[in-house]
Amino acid sequence: MTENDHFKFSYGMLLVPLLAVLSIWTVFWIEVQFGVNFNDYGIYPRRLSGIRGVLFSPFIHGSVEHLYNNTIPLAVLTGFLFYFYRQVAWRTLFLGLIVSGLLTWVIGRPSYHIGASGIIYVLASFIFFKGVFAKHFRLIALSLIVVFIYGSMIWYIFPIEEGISWEGHLSGFLTGFLLALMIKVRVPNEKKYEWEKEDYDEEEDAFLKHFDEDGNFIENNHLVEEGDKNIKITYHYKKEEDK
């Protein structure tokens, strides 16, 4: 697999982020338009009815500010996932949703945990650690971009602010790390020049034969046999005029 086959545009990198954003905004619009509250469909830890929130909680938000804060990271990180890791993107999303939700259900406080931030932490963690583990220069660069843009998110896996589900953030972060370890991706082969290959022999390099041991160009005629023809190559040199 070449880099061109691996890193190329696909409609998924646009459609999936768009659908994700539309879904969370549509749910919030329904709540406002019809005066309903879906918070009861969030994750309520260690309560049997609260386990349904594993599937529903990412679509539910408590306010416009909460919704807005999750919209851009969700769109950007989902786009990154489907561009750079499209062969495992759906698997990562599904497993990230289930595992992080269940972990929140186990460790969370007795309250309703809602919002897409859990899956956002899954994506940020997965993309960062997978790039480090893969050791491919483009994926490492992507990891650095994620750190640069969303590095401050790391503080919110700790209980530093009331009203924020740090348990959901922590669950997402740990889940992304585990998925980066477990899910295998095909890393494209990097193009290597002849002199970078292990079996390279500089004595047989046709280009280097034009230079002596001191790096000076050898000024002589060369005969190249091609089938039954002898091709004589003569080099002409033009002195540069003083300017």
Protein backbone atom coordinates (compact mmCIF):
# COMPACT_ATOMS: atom_id res chain seq x y z
CA MET A 1 0.00 0.00 0.00
CA THR A 2 1.42 3.36 -1.03
CA GLU A 3 0.91 6.67 0.73
CA ASN A 4 -1.33 7.87 -2.11
CA ASP A 5 -3.62 4.87 -1.58
CA HIS A 6 -3.68 5.34 2.19
CA PHE A 7 -3.99 9.12 2.60
CA LYS A 8 -6.54 10.18 0.04
CA PHE A 9 -9.82 12.03 0.07
CA SER A 10 -13.01 10.11 0.72
CA TYR A 11 -16.59 11.29 1.18
CA GLY A 12 -16.61 9.61 4.58
CA MET A 13 -14.30 12.23 6.02
CA LEU A 14 -16.96 14.86 5.23
CA LEU A 15 -20.22 12.96 5.61
CA VAL A 16 -19.54 11.29 8.96
CA PRO A 17 -18.50 14.50 10.79
CA LEU A 18 -21.48 16.27 9.22
CA LEU A 19 -23.90 13.56 10.33
CA ALA A 20 -22.39 13.53 13.82
CA VAL A 21 -22.82 17.28 14.21
CA LEU A 22 -26.32 17.27 12.72
CA SER A 23 -27.42 14.47 15.07
CA ILE A 24 -26.43 16.24 18.29
CA TRP A 25 -27.91 19.56 17.14
CA THR A 26 -31.12 17.87 15.98
CA VAL A 27 -31.62 16.19 19.37
CA PHE A 28 -31.08 19.52 21.15
CA TRP A 29 -33.49 21.25 18.75
CA ILE A 30 -36.17 18.64 19.48
CA GLU A 31 -35.74 19.23 23.22
CA VAL A 32 -36.13 22.99 22.83
CA GLN A 33 -38.90 22.85 20.23
CA PHE A 34 -41.12 20.38 22.08
CA GLY A 35 -40.16 21.23 25.63
CA VAL A 36 -38.79 17.79 26.49
CA ASN A 37 -35.71 16.76 28.40
CA PHE A 38 -33.71 13.69 27.44
CA ASN A 39 -31.29 13.80 30.37
CA ASP A 40 -32.90 10.67 31.79
CA TYR A 41 -31.46 8.82 28.78
CA GLY A 42 -27.94 9.63 29.87
CA ILE A 43 -25.58 7.26 31.66
CA TYR A 44 -26.57 6.75 35.30
CA PRO A 45 -23.77 4.72 36.90
CA ARG A 46 -24.54 1.33 38.41
CA ARG A 47 -28.25 1.61 37.73
CA LEU A 48 -29.67 -0.92 35.28
CA SER A 49 -31.84 1.65 33.50
CA GLY A 50 -28.85 3.98 33.28
CA ILE A 51 -26.93 1.62 31.03
CA ARG A 52 -29.03 2.70 28.05
CA GLY A 53 -27.10 5.95 28.19
CA VAL A 54 -24.10 4.12 26.75
CA LEU A 55 -25.81 4.48 23.37
CA PHE A 56 -27.86 7.65 23.89
CA SER A 57 -25.75 9.95 26.09
CA PRO A 58 -23.39 11.25 23.32
CA PHE A 59 -26.38 12.83 21.56
CA ILE A 60 -27.73 14.66 24.62
CA HIS A 61 -26.47 18.06 25.82
CA GLY A 62 -27.54 20.26 28.69
CA SER A 63 -27.12 23.70 27.11
CA VAL A 64 -26.15 25.56 23.96
CA GLU A 65 -22.69 26.21 25.43
CA HIS A 66 -22.24 22.51 26.16
CA LEU A 67 -23.36 21.67 22.64
CA TYR A 68 -21.14 24.29 21.01
CA ASN A 69 -18.05 23.22 22.97
CA ASN A 70 -18.45 19.67 21.67
CA THR A 71 -19.40 20.48 18.07
CA ILE A 72 -16.07 21.62 16.61
CA PRO A 73 -13.85 18.99 18.31
CA LEU A 74 -16.29 16.25 17.28
CA ALA A 75 -16.26 17.37 13.65
CA VAL A 76 -12.48 17.88 13.44
CA LEU A 77 -11.44 14.67 15.20
CA THR A 78 -13.97 12.55 13.32
CA GLY A 79 -12.65 13.99 10.06
CA PHE A 80 -9.09 13.14 11.10
CA LEU A 81 -10.14 9.60 11.98
CA PHE A 82 -11.83 8.92 8.64
CA TYR A 83 -9.01 10.46 6.61
CA PHE A 84 -5.96 8.95 8.29
CA TYR A 85 -7.48 5.75 9.72
CA ARG A 86 -10.45 5.08 7.49
CA GLN A 87 -9.88 1.30 7.40
CA VAL A 88 -10.53 1.09 11.16
CA ALA A 89 -12.63 4.23 11.64
CA TRP A 90 -16.05 2.60 12.14
CA ARG A 91 -14.64 -0.05 14.43
CA THR A 92 -12.89 2.61 16.51
CA LEU A 93 -16.06 4.70 16.79
CA PHE A 94 -18.26 1.77 17.78
CA LEU A 95 -15.86 0.24 20.29
CA GLY A 96 -15.02 3.68 21.66
CA LEU A 97 -18.70 4.44 22.22
CA ILE A 98 -19.42 1.13 23.96
CA VAL A 99 -16.27 0.74 26.06
CA SER A 100 -16.05 4.36 27.25
CA GLY A 101 -19.76 4.35 28.05
CA LEU A 102 -19.55 1.15 30.08
CA LEU A 103 -16.48 2.38 31.92
CA THR A 104 -18.31 5.61 32.82
CA TRP A 105 -21.25 3.51 34.03
CA VAL A 106 -18.87 1.63 36.33
CA ILE A 107 -16.79 4.48 37.79
CA GLY A 108 -19.07 7.50 37.51
CA ARG A 109 -20.80 9.45 40.27
CA PRO A 110 -24.52 8.80 40.87
CA SER A 111 -25.71 11.39 38.37
CA TYR A 112 -26.73 11.56 34.73
CA HIS A 113 -23.67 11.77 32.46
CA ILE A 114 -24.47 13.28 29.07
CA GLY A 115 -22.65 14.80 26.10
CA ALA A 116 -20.34 13.83 23.25
CA SER A 117 -17.21 14.71 25.20
CA GLY A 118 -16.59 11.06 26.08
CA ILE A 119 -16.29 10.06 22.43
CA ILE A 120 -14.23 13.20 21.75
CA TYR A 121 -11.71 12.04 24.33
CA VAL A 122 -11.72 8.60 22.71
CA LEU A 123 -10.86 10.11 19.33
CA ALA A 124 -8.21 12.52 20.64
CA SER A 125 -6.53 9.78 22.67
CA PHE A 126 -6.68 7.20 19.87
CA ILE A 127 -5.31 9.55 17.21
CA PHE A 128 -2.48 10.75 19.45
CA PHE A 129 -1.30 7.36 20.70
CA LYS A 130 -1.80 5.57 17.38
CA GLY A 131 0.42 8.07 15.63
CA VAL A 132 3.13 7.54 18.25
CA PHE A 133 2.86 3.75 18.05
CA ALA A 134 2.76 3.65 14.22
CA LYS A 135 5.98 5.72 13.92
CA HIS A 136 4.95 7.05 10.51
CA PHE A 137 5.99 10.65 9.99
CA ARG A 138 2.56 11.84 8.84
CA LEU A 139 0.75 10.12 11.69
CA ILE A 140 3.26 11.48 14.20
CA ALA A 141 2.69 14.95 12.76
CA LEU A 142 -1.05 14.43 13.22
CA SER A 143 -0.46 13.43 16.85
CA LEU A 144 1.44 16.68 17.40
CA ILE A 145 -1.38 18.67 15.82
CA VAL A 146 -3.90 17.03 18.16
CA VAL A 147 -1.70 17.85 21.15
CA PHE A 148 -1.28 21.44 19.98
CA ILE A 149 -5.01 22.02 19.46
CA TYR A 150 -6.55 19.88 22.19
CA GLY A 151 -3.71 19.30 24.64
CA SER A 152 -5.44 21.37 27.33
CA MET A 153 -8.24 18.76 27.42
CA ILE A 154 -6.00 16.54 29.52
CA TRP A 155 -6.80 18.58 32.63
CA TYR A 156 -10.48 17.69 32.42
CA ILE A 157 -9.89 14.01 33.10
CA PHE A 158 -9.45 15.18 36.70
CA PRO A 159 -12.20 16.55 38.99
CA ILE A 160 -11.18 20.20 38.68
CA GLU A 161 -14.59 21.71 37.87
CA GLU A 162 -18.07 20.95 39.14
CA GLY A 163 -20.78 20.00 36.68
CA ILE A 164 -18.34 18.33 34.28
CA SER A 165 -18.25 14.57 33.89
CA TRP A 166 -14.54 14.04 34.42
CA GLU A 167 -15.34 10.33 34.73
CA GLY A 168 -16.63 10.34 31.15
CA HIS A 169 -13.52 12.19 29.99
CA LEU A 170 -11.21 9.79 31.82
CA SER A 171 -13.11 6.80 30.42
CA GLY A 172 -12.79 8.17 26.91
CA PHE A 173 -9.08 8.88 27.31
CA LEU A 174 -8.33 5.40 28.64
CA THR A 175 -10.49 3.77 25.97
CA GLY A 176 -8.69 5.62 23.18
CA PHE A 177 -5.34 4.51 24.56
CA LEU A 178 -6.46 0.87 24.76
CA LEU A 179 -7.87 0.96 21.23
CA ALA A 180 -4.60 2.43 19.93
CA LEU A 181 -2.81 -0.55 21.45
CA MET A 182 -5.27 -3.20 20.26
CA ILE A 183 -6.41 -2.07 16.81
CA LYS A 184 -3.91 -2.72 14.06
CA VAL A 185 -3.61 -0.38 11.09
CA ARG A 186 -1.76 -0.79 7.82
CA VAL A 187 0.92 1.88 7.67
CA PRO A 188 1.84 2.89 4.10
CA ASN A 189 5.35 2.14 2.90
CA GLU A 190 7.55 5.19 2.82
CA LYS A 191 9.31 5.84 -0.47
CA LYS A 192 13.02 5.15 -0.22
CA TYR A 193 15.74 6.33 -2.55
CA GLU A 194 18.31 3.85 -3.82
CA TRP A 195 20.97 5.04 -1.37
CA GLU A 196 18.59 4.51 1.57
CA LYS A 197 18.09 0.82 0.85
CA GLU A 198 20.00 -1.78 2.85
CA ASP A 199 21.40 -3.53 -0.25
CA TYR A 200 22.72 -0.28 -1.77
CA ASP A 201 26.23 -0.58 -3.22
CA GLU A 202 27.81 2.75 -4.04
CA GLU A 203 30.44 1.00 -6.18
CA GLU A 204 27.69 0.05 -8.64
CA ASP A 205 25.99 3.44 -8.65
CA ALA A 206 26.15 4.73 -12.24
CA PHE A 207 25.87 8.34 -11.13
CA LEU A 208 28.73 8.15 -8.62
CA LYS A 209 30.99 6.68 -11.28
CA HIS A 210 31.10 10.17 -12.80
CA PHE A 211 33.07 11.43 -9.77
CA ASP A 212 36.51 10.64 -8.39
CA GLU A 213 37.37 9.93 -4.75
CA ASP A 214 37.63 13.66 -4.00
CA GLY A 215 34.20 14.38 -5.43
CA ASN A 216 35.53 15.97 -8.62
CA PHE A 217 33.65 15.40 -11.85
CA ILE A 218 35.55 13.10 -14.20
CA GLU A 219 36.02 14.87 -17.52
CA ASN A 220 36.27 12.08 -20.06
CA ASN A 221 34.27 10.38 -22.75
CA HIS A 222 32.07 7.39 -21.96
CA LEU A 223 30.95 4.56 -24.17
CA VAL A 224 27.57 3.05 -23.49
CA GLU A 225 26.66 -0.16 -25.24
CA GLU A 226 23.00 -0.48 -26.13
CA GLY A 227 22.30 -3.64 -28.12
CA ASP A 228 24.49 -3.56 -31.20
CA LYS A 229 25.02 0.22 -31.10
CA ASN A 230 27.83 2.13 -29.47
CA ILE A 231 26.76 5.50 -28.18
CA LYS A 232 29.54 7.97 -27.61
CA ILE A 233 28.83 10.61 -24.96
CA THR A 234 30.91 13.74 -25.02
CA TYR A 235 30.64 16.42 -22.33
CA HIS A 236 31.10 20.06 -23.30
CA TYR A 237 31.79 22.72 -20.70
CA LYS A 238 31.14 26.41 -21.00
CA LYS A 239 33.02 28.80 -18.79
CA GLU A 240 30.88 31.26 -16.92
CA GLU A 241 31.49 34.87 -17.78
CA ASP A 242 32.42 37.24 -14.99
CA LYS A 243 29.52 39.43 -13.99
